């Protein structure tokens, strides 16, 4: 039960990060919601963008979310493994 609770916390953190990135990309480049979420997810996980950024502001958002993904990974992994430890 504890693993499920910590897994849910990790899922919420990850979804919030991707949702925030998708909202930022939508504000700057105006893609559809699904495409923006996919793009934010790929950038956040370090897989790289789906397509080149359309503007300097989009490049800054992508850079910030790449850094946020690197910073969030240990937090999310810790939340997942906390129940085992």
PDB file of N, CA and C in Angstrom:
ATOM      1  N   UNK A   1       0.828  -1.193   0.000  1.00  0.00           N
ATOM      2  CA  UNK A   1       0.000   0.000   0.000  1.00  0.00           C
ATOM      3  C   UNK A   1       0.875   1.261   0.000  1.00  0.00           C
ATOM      4  N   UNK A   2       1.986   1.224   0.771  1.00  0.00           N
ATOM      5  CA  UNK A   2       2.879   2.383   0.795  1.00  0.00           C
ATOM      6  C   UNK A   2       3.516   2.610  -0.568  1.00  0.00           C
ATOM      7  N   UNK A   3       3.891   1.519  -1.269  1.00  0.00           N
ATOM      8  CA  UNK A   3       4.492   1.672  -2.592  1.00  0.00           C
ATOM      9  C   UNK A   3       3.505   2.310  -3.566  1.00  0.00           C
ATOM     10  N   UNK A   4       2.247   1.919  -3.464  1.00  0.00           N
ATOM     11  CA  UNK A   4       1.229   2.513  -4.332  1.00  0.00           C
ATOM     12  C   UNK A   4       1.077   4.001  -4.040  1.00  0.00           C
ATOM     13  N   UNK A   5       1.103   4.370  -2.757  1.00  0.00           N
ATOM     14  CA  UNK A   5       0.973   5.778  -2.390  1.00  0.00           C
ATOM     15  C   UNK A   5       2.170   6.587  -2.910  1.00  0.00           C
ATOM     16  N   UNK A   6       3.392   6.071  -2.705  1.00  0.00           N
ATOM     17  CA  UNK A   6       4.571   6.784  -3.179  1.00  0.00           C
ATOM     18  C   UNK A   6       4.629   6.800  -4.707  1.00  0.00           C
ATOM     19  N   UNK A   7       4.153   5.734  -5.348  1.00  0.00           N
ATOM     20  CA  UNK A   7       4.069   5.714  -6.809  1.00  0.00           C
ATOM     21  C   UNK A   7       3.113   6.771  -7.327  1.00  0.00           C
ATOM     22  N   UNK A   8       2.005   6.945  -6.630  1.00  0.00           N
ATOM     23  CA  UNK A   8       1.040   7.979  -7.008  1.00  0.00           C
ATOM     24  C   UNK A   8       1.648   9.372  -6.853  1.00  0.00           C
ATOM     25  N   UNK A   9       2.401   9.579  -5.782  1.00  0.00           N
ATOM     26  CA  UNK A   9       3.075  10.868  -5.586  1.00  0.00           C
ATOM     27  C   UNK A   9       4.064  11.129  -6.724  1.00  0.00           C
ATOM     28  N   UNK A  10       4.834  10.118  -7.095  1.00  0.00           N
ATOM     29  CA  UNK A  10       5.791  10.263  -8.196  1.00  0.00           C
ATOM     30  C   UNK A  10       5.071  10.554  -9.509  1.00  0.00           C
ATOM     31  N   UNK A  11       3.957   9.893  -9.747  1.00  0.00           N
ATOM     32  CA  UNK A  11       3.185  10.121 -10.961  1.00  0.00           C
ATOM     33  C   UNK A  11       2.623  11.539 -11.008  1.00  0.00           C
ATOM     34  N   UNK A  12       2.152  12.023  -9.877  1.00  0.00           N
ATOM     35  CA  UNK A  12       1.617  13.391  -9.813  1.00  0.00           C
ATOM     36  C   UNK A  12       2.728  14.409 -10.072  1.00  0.00           C
ATOM     37  N   UNK A  13       3.902  14.208  -9.476  1.00  0.00           N
ATOM     38  CA  UNK A  13       5.029  15.126  -9.717  1.00  0.00           C
ATOM     39  C   UNK A  13       5.423  15.145 -11.183  1.00  0.00           C
ATOM     40  N   UNK A  14       5.499  13.964 -11.786  1.00  0.00           N
ATOM     41  CA  UNK A  14       5.884  13.875 -13.190  1.00  0.00           C
ATOM     42  C   UNK A  14       4.830  14.504 -14.096  1.00  0.00           C
ATOM     43  N   UNK A  15       3.565  14.233 -13.824  1.00  0.00           N
ATOM     44  CA  UNK A  15       2.483  14.803 -14.628  1.00  0.00           C
ATOM     45  C   UNK A  15       2.435  16.324 -14.497  1.00  0.00           C
ATOM     46  N   UNK A  16       2.696  16.834 -13.289  1.00  0.00           N
ATOM     47  CA  UNK A  16       2.698  18.291 -13.096  1.00  0.00           C
ATOM     48  C   UNK A  16       3.830  18.936 -13.889  1.00  0.00           C
ATOM     49  N   UNK A  17       5.001  18.309 -13.885  1.00  0.00           N
ATOM     50  CA  UNK A  17       6.134  18.852 -14.619  1.00  0.00           C
ATOM     51  C   UNK A  17       5.861  18.859 -16.121  1.00  0.00           C
ATOM     52  N   UNK A  18       5.338  17.760 -16.643  1.00  0.00           N
ATOM     53  CA  UNK A  18       5.044  17.682 -18.075  1.00  0.00           C
ATOM     54  C   UNK A  18       3.897  18.626 -18.435  1.00  0.00           C
ATOM     55  N   UNK A  19       2.895  18.727 -17.573  1.00  0.00           N
ATOM     56  CA  UNK A  19       1.784  19.641 -17.833  1.00  0.00           C
ATOM     57  C   UNK A  19       2.224  21.090 -17.868  1.00  0.00           C
ATOM     58  N   UNK A  20       3.115  21.451 -16.958  1.00  0.00           N
ATOM     59  CA  UNK A  20       3.633  22.819 -16.937  1.00  0.00           C
ATOM     60  C   UNK A  20       4.452  23.109 -18.199  1.00  0.00           C
ATOM     61  N   UNK A  21       5.253  22.148 -18.613  1.00  0.00           N
ATOM     62  CA  UNK A  21       6.030  22.318 -19.847  1.00  0.00           C
ATOM     63  C   UNK A  21       5.147  22.416 -21.069  1.00  0.00           C
ATOM     64  N   UNK A  22       4.102  21.594 -21.114  1.00  0.00           N
ATOM     65  CA  UNK A  22       3.180  21.630 -22.246  1.00  0.00           C
ATOM     66  C   UNK A  22       2.452  22.972 -22.311  1.00  0.00           C
ATOM     67  N   UNK A  23       2.067  23.488 -21.149  1.00  0.00           N
ATOM     68  CA  UNK A  23       1.389  24.795 -21.123  1.00  0.00           C
ATOM     69  C   UNK A  23       2.316  25.905 -21.621  1.00  0.00           C
ATOM     70  N   UNK A  24       3.599  25.848 -21.214  1.00  0.00           N
ATOM     71  CA  UNK A  24       4.566  26.838 -21.684  1.00  0.00           C
ATOM     72  C   UNK A  24       4.783  26.764 -23.185  1.00  0.00           C
ATOM     73  N   UNK A  25       4.885  25.549 -23.716  1.00  0.00           N
ATOM     74  CA  UNK A  25       5.064  25.407 -25.162  1.00  0.00           C
ATOM     75  C   UNK A  25       3.820  25.835 -25.927  1.00  0.00           C
ATOM     76  N   UNK A  26       2.638  25.551 -25.368  1.00  0.00           N
ATOM     77  CA  UNK A  26       1.417  25.992 -26.023  1.00  0.00           C
ATOM     78  C   UNK A  26       1.330  27.508 -26.088  1.00  0.00           C
ATOM     79  N   UNK A  27       1.776  28.165 -25.039  1.00  0.00           N
ATOM     80  CA  UNK A  27       1.718  29.627 -25.008  1.00  0.00           C
ATOM     81  C   UNK A  27       2.662  30.242 -26.040  1.00  0.00           C
ATOM     82  N   UNK A  28       3.769  29.563 -26.324  1.00  0.00           N
ATOM     83  CA  UNK A  28       4.765  30.141 -27.228  1.00  0.00           C
ATOM     84  C   UNK A  28       4.617  29.690 -28.675  1.00  0.00           C
ATOM     85  N   UNK A  29       4.302  28.413 -28.891  1.00  0.00           N
ATOM     86  CA  UNK A  29       4.295  27.883 -30.260  1.00  0.00           C
ATOM     87  C   UNK A  29       2.914  27.494 -30.772  1.00  0.00           C
ATOM     88  N   UNK A  30       1.919  27.404 -29.890  1.00  0.00           N
ATOM     89  CA  UNK A  30       0.528  27.101 -30.230  1.00  0.00           C
ATOM     90  C   UNK A  30       0.316  25.740 -30.894  1.00  0.00           C
ATOM     91  N   UNK A  31       0.993  24.681 -30.424  1.00  0.00           N
ATOM     92  CA  UNK A  31       0.659  23.353 -30.957  1.00  0.00           C
ATOM     93  C   UNK A  31      -0.583  22.819 -30.252  1.00  0.00           C
ATOM     94  N   UNK A  32      -1.068  21.666 -30.691  1.00  0.00           N
ATOM     95  CA  UNK A  32      -2.166  21.017 -29.991  1.00  0.00           C
ATOM     96  C   UNK A  32      -1.698  20.533 -28.620  1.00  0.00           C
ATOM     97  N   UNK A  33      -2.671  20.236 -27.735  1.00  0.00           N
ATOM     98  CA  UNK A  33      -2.331  19.832 -26.373  1.00  0.00           C
ATOM     99  C   UNK A  33      -1.500  18.550 -26.357  1.00  0.00           C
ATOM    100  N   UNK A  34      -1.886  17.557 -27.153  1.00  0.00           N
ATOM    101  CA  UNK A  34      -1.173  16.285 -27.159  1.00  0.00           C
ATOM    102  C   UNK A  34       0.254  16.445 -27.680  1.00  0.00           C
ATOM    103  N   UNK A  35       0.419  17.205 -28.743  1.00  0.00           N
ATOM    104  CA  UNK A  35       1.757  17.436 -29.288  1.00  0.00           C
ATOM    105  C   UNK A  35       2.628  18.213 -28.295  1.00  0.00           C
ATOM    106  N   UNK A  36       2.051  19.194 -27.620  1.00  0.00           N
ATOM    107  CA  UNK A  36       2.809  19.966 -26.629  1.00  0.00           C
ATOM    108  C   UNK A  36       3.212  19.085 -25.446  1.00  0.00           C
ATOM    109  N   UNK A  37       2.320  18.203 -24.988  1.00  0.00           N
ATOM    110  CA  UNK A  37       2.641  17.307 -23.878  1.00  0.00           C
ATOM    111  C   UNK A  37       3.723  16.306 -24.286  1.00  0.00           C
ATOM    112  N   UNK A  38       3.626  15.765 -25.488  1.00  0.00           N
ATOM    113  CA  UNK A  38       4.651  14.847 -25.976  1.00  0.00           C
ATOM    114  C   UNK A  38       6.004  15.541 -26.073  1.00  0.00           C
ATOM    115  N   UNK A  39       6.009  16.731 -26.623  1.00  0.00           N
ATOM    116  CA  UNK A  39       7.245  17.505 -26.767  1.00  0.00           C
ATOM    117  C   UNK A  39       7.849  17.820 -25.395  1.00  0.00           C
ATOM    118  N   UNK A  40       7.018  18.256 -24.450  1.00  0.00           N
ATOM    119  CA  UNK A  40       7.503  18.567 -23.101  1.00  0.00           C
ATOM    120  C   UNK A  40       8.018  17.307 -22.409  1.00  0.00           C
ATOM    121  N   UNK A  41       7.332  16.200 -22.596  1.00  0.00           N
ATOM    122  CA  UNK A  41       7.782  14.953 -22.001  1.00  0.00           C
ATOM    123  C   UNK A  41       9.121  14.498 -22.543  1.00  0.00           C
ATOM    124  N   UNK A  42       9.310  14.633 -23.842  1.00  0.00           N
ATOM    125  CA  UNK A  42      10.583  14.238 -24.451  1.00  0.00           C
ATOM    126  C   UNK A  42      11.719  15.143 -23.986  1.00  0.00           C
ATOM    127  N   UNK A  43      11.466  16.426 -23.895  1.00  0.00           N
ATOM    128  CA  UNK A  43      12.500  17.354 -23.431  1.00  0.00           C
ATOM    129  C   UNK A  43      12.808  17.115 -21.959  1.00  0.00           C
ATOM    130  N   UNK A  44      11.769  16.911 -21.149  1.00  0.00           N
ATOM    131  CA  UNK A  44      11.950  16.714 -19.715  1.00  0.00           C
ATOM    132  C   UNK A  44      12.741  15.450 -19.407  1.00  0.00           C
ATOM    133  N   UNK A  45      12.513  14.382 -20.168  1.00  0.00           N
ATOM    134  CA  UNK A  45      13.202  13.119 -19.908  1.00  0.00           C
ATOM    135  C   UNK A  45      14.579  13.057 -20.546  1.00  0.00           C
ATOM    136  N   UNK A  46      14.950  14.070 -21.315  1.00  0.00           N
ATOM    137  CA  UNK A  46      16.282  14.104 -21.906  1.00  0.00           C
ATOM    138  C   UNK A  46      16.382  13.459 -23.269  1.00  0.00           C
ATOM    139  N   UNK A  47      15.251  13.109 -23.869  1.00  0.00           N
ATOM    140  CA  UNK A  47      15.274  12.501 -25.204  1.00  0.00           C
ATOM    141  C   UNK A  47      15.410  13.524 -26.317  1.00  0.00           C
ATOM    142  N   UNK A  48      15.263  14.779 -25.997  1.00  0.00           N
ATOM    143  CA  UNK A  48      15.400  15.835 -26.991  1.00  0.00           C
ATOM    144  C   UNK A  48      14.063  16.253 -27.563  1.00  0.00           C
ATOM    145  N   UNK A  49      14.024  17.383 -28.221  1.00  0.00           N
ATOM    146  CA  UNK A  49      12.764  17.892 -28.776  1.00  0.00           C
ATOM    147  C   UNK A  49      12.332  17.118 -30.021  1.00  0.00           C
ATOM    148  N   UNK A  50      11.030  17.155 -30.294  1.00  0.00           N
ATOM    149  CA  UNK A  50      10.492  16.522 -31.501  1.00  0.00           C
ATOM    150  C   UNK A  50      10.882  17.318 -32.741  1.00  0.00           C
ATOM    151  N   UNK A  51      10.886  18.616 -32.616  1.00  0.00           N
ATOM    152  CA  UNK A  51      11.216  19.500 -33.736  1.00  0.00           C
ATOM    153  C   UNK A  51      11.975  20.695 -33.183  1.00  0.00           C
ATOM    154  N   UNK A  52      12.709  21.397 -34.021  1.00  0.00           N
ATOM    155  CA  UNK A  52      13.454  22.574 -33.532  1.00  0.00           C
ATOM    156  C   UNK A  52      12.504  23.648 -32.994  1.00  0.00           C
ATOM    157  N   UNK A  53      12.997  24.388 -32.037  1.00  0.00           N
ATOM    158  CA  UNK A  53      12.201  25.462 -31.443  1.00  0.00           C
ATOM    159  C   UNK A  53      11.960  26.564 -32.473  1.00  0.00           C
ATOM    160  N   UNK A  54      10.762  27.162 -32.399  1.00  0.00           N
ATOM    161  CA  UNK A  54      10.380  28.193 -33.362  1.00  0.00           C
ATOM    162  C   UNK A  54      10.957  29.565 -33.012  1.00  0.00           C
ATOM    163  N   UNK A  55      11.309  29.774 -31.747  1.00  0.00           N
ATOM    164  CA  UNK A  55      11.803  31.084 -31.333  1.00  0.00           C
ATOM    165  C   UNK A  55      12.811  30.929 -30.204  1.00  0.00           C
ATOM    166  N   UNK A  56      13.474  32.022 -29.869  1.00  0.00           N
ATOM    167  CA  UNK A  56      14.419  32.008 -28.750  1.00  0.00           C
ATOM    168  C   UNK A  56      13.691  31.725 -27.435  1.00  0.00           C
ATOM    169  N   UNK A  57      12.494  32.265 -27.280  1.00  0.00           N
ATOM    170  CA  UNK A  57      11.731  32.024 -26.055  1.00  0.00           C
ATOM    171  C   UNK A  57      11.409  30.535 -25.907  1.00  0.00           C
ATOM    172  N   UNK A  58      11.082  29.874 -27.005  1.00  0.00           N
ATOM    173  CA  UNK A  58      10.824  28.428 -26.964  1.00  0.00           C
ATOM    174  C   UNK A  58      12.086  27.663 -26.603  1.00  0.00           C
ATOM    175  N   UNK A  59      13.220  28.114 -27.091  1.00  0.00           N
ATOM    176  CA  UNK A  59      14.487  27.463 -26.747  1.00  0.00           C
ATOM    177  C   UNK A  59      14.770  27.598 -25.255  1.00  0.00           C
ATOM    178  N   UNK A  60      14.467  28.757 -24.687  1.00  0.00           N
ATOM    179  CA  UNK A  60      14.677  28.973 -23.254  1.00  0.00           C
ATOM    180  C   UNK A  60      13.751  28.054 -22.455  1.00  0.00           C
ATOM    181  N   UNK A  61      12.489  27.947 -22.865  1.00  0.00           N
ATOM    182  CA  UNK A  61      11.549  27.061 -22.166  1.00  0.00           C
ATOM    183  C   UNK A  61      12.037  25.620 -22.236  1.00  0.00           C
ATOM    184  N   UNK A  62      12.500  25.184 -23.405  1.00  0.00           N
ATOM    185  CA  UNK A  62      13.008  23.819 -23.548  1.00  0.00           C
ATOM    186  C   UNK A  62      14.232  23.593 -22.668  1.00  0.00           C
ATOM    187  N   UNK A  63      15.110  24.565 -22.612  1.00  0.00           N
ATOM    188  CA  UNK A  63      16.298  24.451 -21.768  1.00  0.00           C
ATOM    189  C   UNK A  63      15.909  24.354 -20.293  1.00  0.00           C
ATOM    190  N   UNK A  64      14.982  25.205 -19.856  1.00  0.00           N
ATOM    191  CA  UNK A  64      14.549  25.171 -18.462  1.00  0.00           C
ATOM    192  C   UNK A  64      13.892  23.842 -18.113  1.00  0.00           C
ATOM    193  N   UNK A  65      13.114  23.288 -19.026  1.00  0.00           N
ATOM    194  CA  UNK A  65      12.473  22.012 -18.728  1.00  0.00           C
ATOM    195  C   UNK A  65      13.429  20.843 -18.823  1.00  0.00           C
ATOM    196  N   UNK A  66      14.460  20.946 -19.612  1.00  0.00           N
ATOM    197  CA  UNK A  66      15.499  19.915 -19.598  1.00  0.00           C
ATOM    198  C   UNK A  66      16.223  19.924 -18.253  1.00  0.00           C
ATOM    199  N   UNK A  67      16.514  21.115 -17.744  1.00  0.00           N
ATOM    200  CA  UNK A  67      17.156  21.230 -16.425  1.00  0.00           C
ATOM    201  C   UNK A  67      16.201  20.759 -15.332  1.00  0.00           C
ATOM    202  N   UNK A  68      14.927  21.139 -15.437  1.00  0.00           N
ATOM    203  CA  UNK A  68      13.936  20.713 -14.440  1.00  0.00           C
ATOM    204  C   UNK A  68      13.782  19.197 -14.438  1.00  0.00           C
ATOM    205  N   UNK A  69      13.838  18.587 -15.616  1.00  0.00           N
ATOM    206  CA  UNK A  69      13.751  17.133 -15.691  1.00  0.00           C
ATOM    207  C   UNK A  69      14.932  16.465 -15.018  1.00  0.00           C
ATOM    208  N   UNK A  70      16.117  17.032 -15.213  1.00  0.00           N
ATOM    209  CA  UNK A  70      17.312  16.494 -14.551  1.00  0.00           C
ATOM    210  C   UNK A  70      17.229  16.664 -13.038  1.00  0.00           C
ATOM    211  N   UNK A  71      16.672  17.767 -12.595  1.00  0.00           N
ATOM    212  CA  UNK A  71      16.546  18.005 -11.156  1.00  0.00           C
ATOM    213  C   UNK A  71      15.413  17.177 -10.547  1.00  0.00           C
ATOM    214  N   UNK A  72      14.357  16.929 -11.310  1.00  0.00           N
ATOM    215  CA  UNK A  72      13.200  16.202 -10.784  1.00  0.00           C
ATOM    216  C   UNK A  72      13.422  14.692 -10.754  1.00  0.00           C
ATOM    217  N   UNK A  73      14.304  14.182 -11.581  1.00  0.00           N
ATOM    218  CA  UNK A  73      14.509  12.729 -11.640  1.00  0.00           C
ATOM    219  C   UNK A  73      14.868  12.123 -10.292  1.00  0.00           C
ATOM    220  N   UNK A  74      15.846  12.665  -9.560  1.00  0.00           N
ATOM    221  CA  UNK A  74      16.149  12.066  -8.251  1.00  0.00           C
ATOM    222  C   UNK A  74      14.984  12.158  -7.266  1.00  0.00           C
ATOM    223  N   UNK A  75      14.218  13.234  -7.341  1.00  0.00           N
ATOM    224  CA  UNK A  75      13.073  13.392  -6.443  1.00  0.00           C
ATOM    225  C   UNK A  75      12.018  12.336  -6.746  1.00  0.00           C
ATOM    226  N   UNK A  76      11.719  12.146  -8.028  1.00  0.00           N
ATOM    227  CA  UNK A  76      10.706  11.173  -8.423  1.00  0.00           C
ATOM    228  C   UNK A  76      11.189   9.749  -8.149  1.00  0.00           C
ATOM    229  N   UNK A  77      12.454   9.469  -8.440  1.00  0.00           N
ATOM    230  CA  UNK A  77      13.000   8.142  -8.152  1.00  0.00           C
ATOM    231  C   UNK A  77      13.000   7.877  -6.645  1.00  0.00           C
ATOM    232  N   UNK A  78      13.314   8.888  -5.851  1.00  0.00           N
ATOM    233  CA  UNK A  78      13.299   8.737  -4.388  1.00  0.00           C
ATOM    234  C   UNK A  78      11.894   8.456  -3.879  1.00  0.00           C
ATOM    235  N   UNK A  79      10.914   9.136  -4.465  1.00  0.00           N
ATOM    236  CA  UNK A  79       9.527   8.896  -4.066  1.00  0.00           C
ATOM    237  C   UNK A  79       9.114   7.469  -4.385  1.00  0.00           C
ATOM    238  N   UNK A  80       9.563   6.952  -5.512  1.00  0.00           N
ATOM    239  CA  UNK A  80       9.238   5.581  -5.890  1.00  0.00           C
ATOM    240  C   UNK A  80       9.924   4.560  -4.980  1.00  0.00           C
ATOM    241  N   UNK A  81      11.160   4.829  -4.605  1.00  0.00           N
ATOM    242  CA  UNK A  81      11.943   3.862  -3.838  1.00  0.00           C
ATOM    243  C   UNK A  81      11.819   4.043  -2.322  1.00  0.00           C
ATOM    244  N   UNK A  82      11.181   5.108  -1.877  1.00  0.00           N
ATOM    245  CA  UNK A  82      11.087   5.382  -0.440  1.00  0.00           C
ATOM    246  C   UNK A  82      10.398   4.258   0.316  1.00  0.00           C
ATOM    247  N   UNK A  83       9.384   3.659  -0.290  1.00  0.00           N
ATOM    248  CA  UNK A  83       8.663   2.588   0.397  1.00  0.00           C
ATOM    249  C   UNK A  83       9.543   1.358   0.580  1.00  0.00           C
ATOM    250  N   UNK A  84      10.455   1.111  -0.350  1.00  0.00           N
ATOM    251  CA  UNK A  84      11.348  -0.039  -0.210  1.00  0.00           C
ATOM    252  C   UNK A  84      12.412   0.196   0.842  1.00  0.00           C
ATOM    253  N   UNK A  85      12.896   1.413   0.909  1.00  0.00           N
ATOM    254  CA  UNK A  85      13.960   1.745   1.846  1.00  0.00           C
ATOM    255  C   UNK A  85      13.405   1.776   3.247  1.00  0.00           C
TER     256      UNK A  85
END
